[in-house]
Each structure stands twice: as C-alpha cells, then as structure tokens.
Amino acid sequence: MDEHIRQLLLLGREHYSKGEYDQAAHLLKQVVERTDRFADVFDMLGVIAHGRGELARARQYFEKAVALNPNYTEAQLNLMVTLNDLGEYDRARQIYAGIRHRGSGGRELDPFAKGKIANMHAELSHAYQDMGMIAEATGELEKAVTLCPAFADLRTRLGILYRDAGDLKRAKEQFEAARSANPRFLQARILLGVLHLSAGDNDRAIEELDQVLELDPVNKAAQMYLRIARSPSRTSHPPPTTE
C-alpha cells in the first residue's frame, strides 16, 4: 500500500473512532480519491453522511461498501437503516432477509446485529402505526422482540399495542416480561399496575405501584394511580391509560 494512503487511512480511522467526523471525512475522502478498495472507508463515510442528514449520499456510500464486501454485516445494517429512513421499506426488508439467511447458515447473528435489526423493525412499526396499519405495526414489534427479548422498551411498546387492541392477557405478559428484563424500566411497571387496577385487582396494583415509588418516589403517574387504587370511593370505571 502507498505510504501516503496508509497515513490517510490511519488518521482517518483514528478521528472517526474519536467521533471527530469532520476531520475523518476530510481524510477518508482523500483515500477514496486514490483508491476505492476499502469497504470500511465507504461505511464510515456513509455513517458520517447519515449523521448529517445526507441520506441519498449515505445510501451510495453503504451500497459501495456492500458491493466491495457482500458479507459486511455492519454496512448492510447501516444501509437497511438508511433505506428505512428514505421510506424504501421493501428493499430494506430484502436486505434483512439476506442477512437472516446468511446468519442461519450455521452461525448466530451477533448481539450488535440483532439490536440494530430489532430497532429497524421498531422504526417500521412506528411507520405502520402512523398510517393506521396496526396489525402490521404489531407484527414488526413482534419480530423485534423475538430478536431482542431483553429489550424492555420494545416489549412495553408491544404490550401497549396488544392492550389497545383489547388483548389484555398478552399485554400483561409483555409488561411482566419487560419488568423481568429490566426492573427499573418504570413505564412497564406502571402500565402493569394500571392493568391490575382496571381489572379490579387493587391489591396487586398497589403492590406494583408501591415498588415503582420505591425506585422513583416522585413519579407522578404512580402516585396518581396509587391514590385511585387506595380510594374507598373508587368507581368501577377504569382509570385513564398511560403511554
């Protein structure tokens, strides 16, 4: 390798690793002007372009990285996220299917890859939900939870969709699983307390909400629902839901 290119690469990668993206981009673009054979250079330039909101350019960089190295999982994941941001959901899913197929050929996807794919499913779920396509939104979150069952936030979002669809049993299962995955993720615990309260199980609601307040003594939602649960004059109407 040419010594000048080697120095540009070394300095460019160093700046990138430190988050000094302007300096990194300046050096990495000089590498690209001299040679186009380094897949990681295009991936880094893609990440920088994506962070600047230059999505079309980011896609070009990631596509080049994948063309140079078809097994470059991180570049493929970055391309998937960019395509998703551009609204090209079908193509993003095609890339995802290819990664899954490769991953099933004898080796498990690493946690980083799983997390990134799970978050892409969660973003797709948001997009479907915004369009009123609740069944599709639920399906995407189910895929995300299958990939990363310990992500309490994803389980909680899935539980909310189940709850809003009237499937309280599955909602409760997701809130409980989120609590098990991360006992300090209070949104799931409050939602679980509200489910108990709505079902008339005041004792379990009080137990859950008391534990929330042990972790966060000034939590307003927990305080409000706890007052309702302990009120002797509470009506049979369910309390307001919380997101």
Protein backbone atom coordinates (compact mmCIF):
# COMPACT_ATOMS: atom_id res chain seq x y z
CA MET A 1 0.00 0.00 0.00
CA ASP A 2 1.15 3.52 -0.79
CA GLU A 3 2.55 5.14 2.35
CA HIS A 4 0.52 8.31 1.89
CA ILE A 5 -2.71 6.30 1.65
CA ARG A 6 -1.67 4.34 4.72
CA GLN A 7 -1.25 7.54 6.71
CA LEU A 8 -4.56 8.96 5.50
CA LEU A 9 -6.29 5.72 6.50
CA LEU A 10 -4.64 5.63 9.90
CA LEU A 11 -5.51 9.23 10.72
CA GLY A 12 -9.00 8.99 9.23
CA ARG A 13 -9.87 5.91 11.26
CA GLU A 14 -8.44 7.49 14.40
CA HIS A 15 -10.54 10.65 14.01
CA TYR A 16 -13.62 8.53 13.26
CA SER A 17 -13.14 6.40 16.37
CA LYS A 18 -12.99 9.61 18.46
CA GLY A 19 -16.17 10.96 16.90
CA GLU A 20 -14.27 13.74 15.12
CA TYR A 21 -16.28 13.28 11.95
CA ASP A 22 -15.38 16.46 10.06
CA GLN A 23 -11.66 15.66 10.25
CA ALA A 24 -12.34 11.99 9.48
CA ALA A 25 -14.44 12.79 6.41
CA HIS A 26 -11.79 15.14 5.03
CA LEU A 27 -9.13 12.40 5.25
CA LEU A 28 -11.31 9.47 4.17
CA LYS A 29 -12.47 11.30 1.06
CA GLN A 30 -8.82 11.71 0.11
CA VAL A 31 -8.44 7.94 0.43
CA VAL A 32 -11.43 7.39 -1.87
CA GLU A 33 -9.90 9.76 -4.44
CA ARG A 34 -6.84 7.49 -4.60
CA THR A 35 -8.38 4.03 -4.21
CA ASP A 36 -11.85 2.54 -3.93
CA ARG A 37 -10.98 -0.83 -2.44
CA PHE A 38 -11.58 -0.20 1.28
CA ALA A 39 -15.13 -1.17 2.26
CA ASP A 40 -14.82 0.23 5.77
CA VAL A 41 -13.90 3.66 4.39
CA PHE A 42 -17.18 3.82 2.48
CA ASP A 43 -19.05 2.58 5.55
CA MET A 44 -17.52 5.30 7.73
CA LEU A 45 -18.30 7.96 5.13
CA GLY A 46 -21.85 6.61 5.00
CA VAL A 47 -22.26 6.91 8.76
CA ILE A 48 -20.96 10.48 8.65
CA ALA A 49 -23.29 11.41 5.77
CA HIS A 50 -26.25 9.82 7.54
CA GLY A 51 -25.49 11.80 10.69
CA ARG A 52 -25.55 14.99 8.61
CA GLY A 53 -28.93 14.09 7.15
CA GLU A 54 -27.46 13.41 3.69
CA LEU A 55 -29.43 10.20 3.26
CA ALA A 56 -29.06 9.74 -0.50
CA ARG A 57 -25.30 10.14 -0.27
CA ALA A 58 -25.17 7.82 2.75
CA ARG A 59 -27.02 5.18 0.75
CA GLN A 60 -24.46 5.44 -2.05
CA TYR A 61 -21.58 5.00 0.36
CA PHE A 62 -23.16 2.00 2.10
CA GLU A 63 -24.04 0.39 -1.24
CA LYS A 64 -20.41 0.74 -2.30
CA ALA A 65 -19.21 -0.82 0.96
CA VAL A 66 -21.57 -3.78 0.50
CA ALA A 67 -20.56 -4.17 -3.15
CA LEU A 68 -16.92 -4.41 -2.08
CA ASN A 69 -17.71 -6.85 0.74
CA PRO A 70 -21.10 -8.63 0.45
CA ASN A 71 -20.58 -10.15 3.92
CA TYR A 72 -20.02 -6.78 5.63
CA THR A 73 -22.87 -7.07 8.11
CA GLU A 74 -22.48 -3.65 9.71
CA ALA A 75 -22.55 -1.88 6.34
CA GLN A 76 -25.66 -3.87 5.37
CA LEU A 77 -27.34 -2.91 8.62
CA ASN A 78 -26.43 0.73 8.09
CA LEU A 79 -27.83 0.52 4.57
CA MET A 80 -31.03 -1.01 5.94
CA VAL A 81 -31.49 1.83 8.41
CA THR A 82 -30.84 4.43 5.69
CA LEU A 83 -33.29 2.80 3.29
CA ASN A 84 -35.82 2.73 6.09
CA ASP A 85 -35.27 6.46 6.71
CA LEU A 86 -35.77 7.05 2.98
CA GLY A 87 -39.04 5.11 3.06
CA GLU A 88 -37.70 2.25 0.93
CA TYR A 89 -39.13 -0.41 3.23
CA ASP A 90 -39.35 -3.25 0.70
CA ARG A 91 -35.68 -3.02 -0.18
CA ALA A 92 -34.72 -2.76 3.47
CA ARG A 93 -36.65 -5.97 4.15
CA GLN A 94 -34.87 -7.71 1.27
CA ILE A 95 -31.50 -6.89 2.78
CA TYR A 96 -32.71 -8.04 6.16
CA ALA A 97 -33.87 -11.34 4.68
CA GLY A 98 -30.43 -11.84 3.15
CA ILE A 99 -28.70 -11.23 6.47
CA ARG A 100 -31.06 -13.63 8.24
CA HIS A 101 -30.47 -16.29 5.60
CA ARG A 102 -26.72 -15.93 5.94
CA GLY A 103 -26.97 -15.88 9.73
CA SER A 104 -28.98 -19.10 9.76
CA GLY A 105 -26.28 -20.93 7.87
CA GLY A 106 -24.54 -22.24 10.95
CA ARG A 107 -23.78 -19.13 12.99
CA GLU A 108 -25.94 -16.86 15.11
CA LEU A 109 -26.10 -13.15 14.44
CA ASP A 110 -24.04 -11.19 16.93
CA PRO A 111 -25.85 -9.05 19.53
CA PHE A 112 -24.96 -5.81 17.76
CA ALA A 113 -26.55 -7.02 14.54
CA LYS A 114 -29.62 -8.30 16.36
CA GLY A 115 -30.07 -5.00 18.17
CA LYS A 116 -29.77 -2.96 15.02
CA ILE A 117 -32.24 -5.15 13.13
CA ALA A 118 -34.64 -5.09 16.09
CA ASN A 119 -34.55 -1.30 16.16
CA MET A 120 -35.22 -1.21 12.43
CA HIS A 121 -38.31 -3.35 12.99
CA ALA A 122 -39.35 -0.91 15.73
CA GLU A 123 -38.97 2.04 13.35
CA LEU A 124 -41.04 0.23 10.73
CA SER A 125 -43.64 -0.38 13.40
CA HIS A 126 -43.82 3.36 14.05
CA ALA A 127 -44.29 3.99 10.34
CA TYR A 128 -47.10 1.45 10.09
CA GLN A 129 -48.73 2.84 13.23
CA ASP A 130 -48.65 6.36 11.82
CA MET A 131 -50.55 5.06 8.79
CA GLY A 132 -53.11 3.29 10.96
CA MET A 133 -51.85 -0.17 9.95
CA ILE A 134 -51.94 -1.61 13.46
CA ALA A 135 -51.70 -5.29 12.54
CA GLU A 136 -48.54 -4.62 10.54
CA ALA A 137 -47.15 -2.41 13.32
CA THR A 138 -47.74 -5.20 15.82
CA GLY A 139 -46.08 -7.74 13.55
CA GLU A 140 -42.93 -5.64 13.24
CA LEU A 141 -42.67 -5.24 17.02
CA GLU A 142 -43.18 -8.98 17.47
CA LYS A 143 -40.18 -9.56 15.18
CA ALA A 144 -38.15 -7.03 17.16
CA VAL A 145 -38.97 -8.72 20.46
CA THR A 146 -38.12 -12.15 19.03
CA LEU A 147 -34.67 -10.85 18.10
CA CYS A 148 -34.05 -8.98 21.36
CA PRO A 149 -36.31 -10.35 24.12
CA ALA A 150 -34.39 -8.43 26.80
CA PHE A 151 -35.23 -5.02 25.32
CA ALA A 152 -37.78 -3.79 27.88
CA ASP A 153 -38.80 -0.77 25.80
CA LEU A 154 -39.72 -2.92 22.80
CA ARG A 155 -41.74 -5.31 24.96
CA THR A 156 -43.55 -2.37 26.52
CA ARG A 157 -44.45 -0.90 23.15
CA LEU A 158 -45.73 -4.29 22.03
CA GLY A 159 -47.76 -4.59 25.22
CA ILE A 160 -49.36 -1.20 24.53
CA LEU A 161 -50.41 -2.34 21.06
CA TYR A 162 -51.90 -5.52 22.49
CA ARG A 163 -53.69 -3.51 25.18
CA ASP A 164 -55.14 -1.05 22.68
CA ALA A 165 -56.36 -3.99 20.59
CA GLY A 166 -58.17 -5.37 23.64
CA ASP A 167 -55.82 -8.33 24.15
CA LEU A 168 -55.17 -7.68 27.84
CA LYS A 169 -53.71 -11.12 28.52
CA ARG A 170 -50.91 -10.69 26.00
CA ALA A 171 -50.40 -7.08 27.08
CA LYS A 172 -49.91 -8.24 30.67
CA GLU A 173 -47.43 -10.90 29.53
CA GLN A 174 -45.34 -8.27 27.72
CA PHE A 175 -45.38 -5.81 30.63
CA GLU A 176 -44.33 -8.58 33.00
CA ALA A 177 -41.58 -9.70 30.64
CA ALA A 178 -40.35 -6.10 30.36
CA ARG A 179 -40.29 -5.85 34.16
CA SER A 180 -38.27 -9.07 34.37
CA ALA A 181 -35.84 -7.87 31.71
CA ASN A 182 -35.32 -4.52 33.44
CA PRO A 183 -36.97 -3.97 36.84
CA ARG A 184 -36.03 -0.28 36.68
CA PHE A 185 -37.95 0.31 33.44
CA LEU A 186 -40.81 2.03 35.22
CA GLN A 187 -43.16 2.60 32.29
CA ALA A 188 -43.80 -1.15 32.03
CA ARG A 189 -44.43 -1.43 35.74
CA ILE A 190 -46.87 1.49 35.79
CA LEU A 191 -48.73 0.04 32.82
CA LEU A 192 -48.87 -3.30 34.61
CA GLY A 193 -50.26 -1.61 37.71
CA VAL A 194 -52.91 0.10 35.60
CA LEU A 195 -53.92 -3.25 34.09
CA HIS A 196 -54.38 -4.69 37.58
CA LEU A 197 -56.33 -1.62 38.60
CA SER A 198 -58.58 -1.81 35.54
CA ALA A 199 -59.28 -5.47 36.31
CA GLY A 200 -60.32 -4.59 39.85
CA ASP A 201 -57.26 -6.23 41.40
CA ASN A 202 -56.40 -3.34 43.70
CA ASP A 203 -54.01 -5.30 45.90
CA ARG A 204 -51.72 -6.25 43.03
CA ALA A 205 -51.97 -2.75 41.58
CA ILE A 206 -50.93 -1.24 44.92
CA GLU A 207 -48.05 -3.70 45.24
CA GLU A 208 -46.75 -2.85 41.77
CA LEU A 209 -47.13 0.90 42.14
CA ASP A 210 -45.55 0.89 45.61
CA GLN A 211 -42.49 -0.74 44.07
CA VAL A 212 -42.38 1.93 41.37
CA LEU A 213 -42.36 4.62 44.07
CA GLU A 214 -39.57 2.85 45.92
CA LEU A 215 -37.48 3.31 42.79
CA ASP A 216 -38.80 6.78 41.94
CA PRO A 217 -40.51 8.46 44.95
CA VAL A 218 -41.69 11.46 42.91
CA ASN A 219 -43.20 9.55 39.99
CA LYS A 220 -46.44 11.46 39.34
CA ALA A 221 -48.20 8.73 37.37
CA ALA A 222 -47.57 6.10 40.05
CA GLN A 223 -48.72 8.49 42.76
CA MET A 224 -51.95 9.24 40.91
CA TYR A 225 -52.83 5.60 40.21
CA LEU A 226 -51.93 4.61 43.74
CA ARG A 227 -54.38 7.20 45.11
CA ILE A 228 -57.07 5.73 42.87
CA ALA A 229 -56.26 2.17 43.97
CA ARG A 230 -56.43 3.12 47.65
CA SER A 231 -59.52 5.28 47.39
CA PRO A 232 -62.51 3.65 49.11
CA SER A 233 -64.86 5.60 46.84
CA ARG A 234 -63.25 4.43 43.60
CA THR A 235 -65.85 3.84 40.93
CA SER A 236 -65.95 0.83 38.67
CA HIS A 237 -64.75 2.91 35.74
CA PRO A 238 -61.22 2.03 34.63
CA PRO A 239 -58.52 4.63 35.22
CA PRO A 240 -57.06 6.58 32.31
CA THR A 241 -54.41 4.70 30.39
CA THR A 242 -50.83 5.87 30.20
CA GLU A 243 -48.48 5.67 27.29
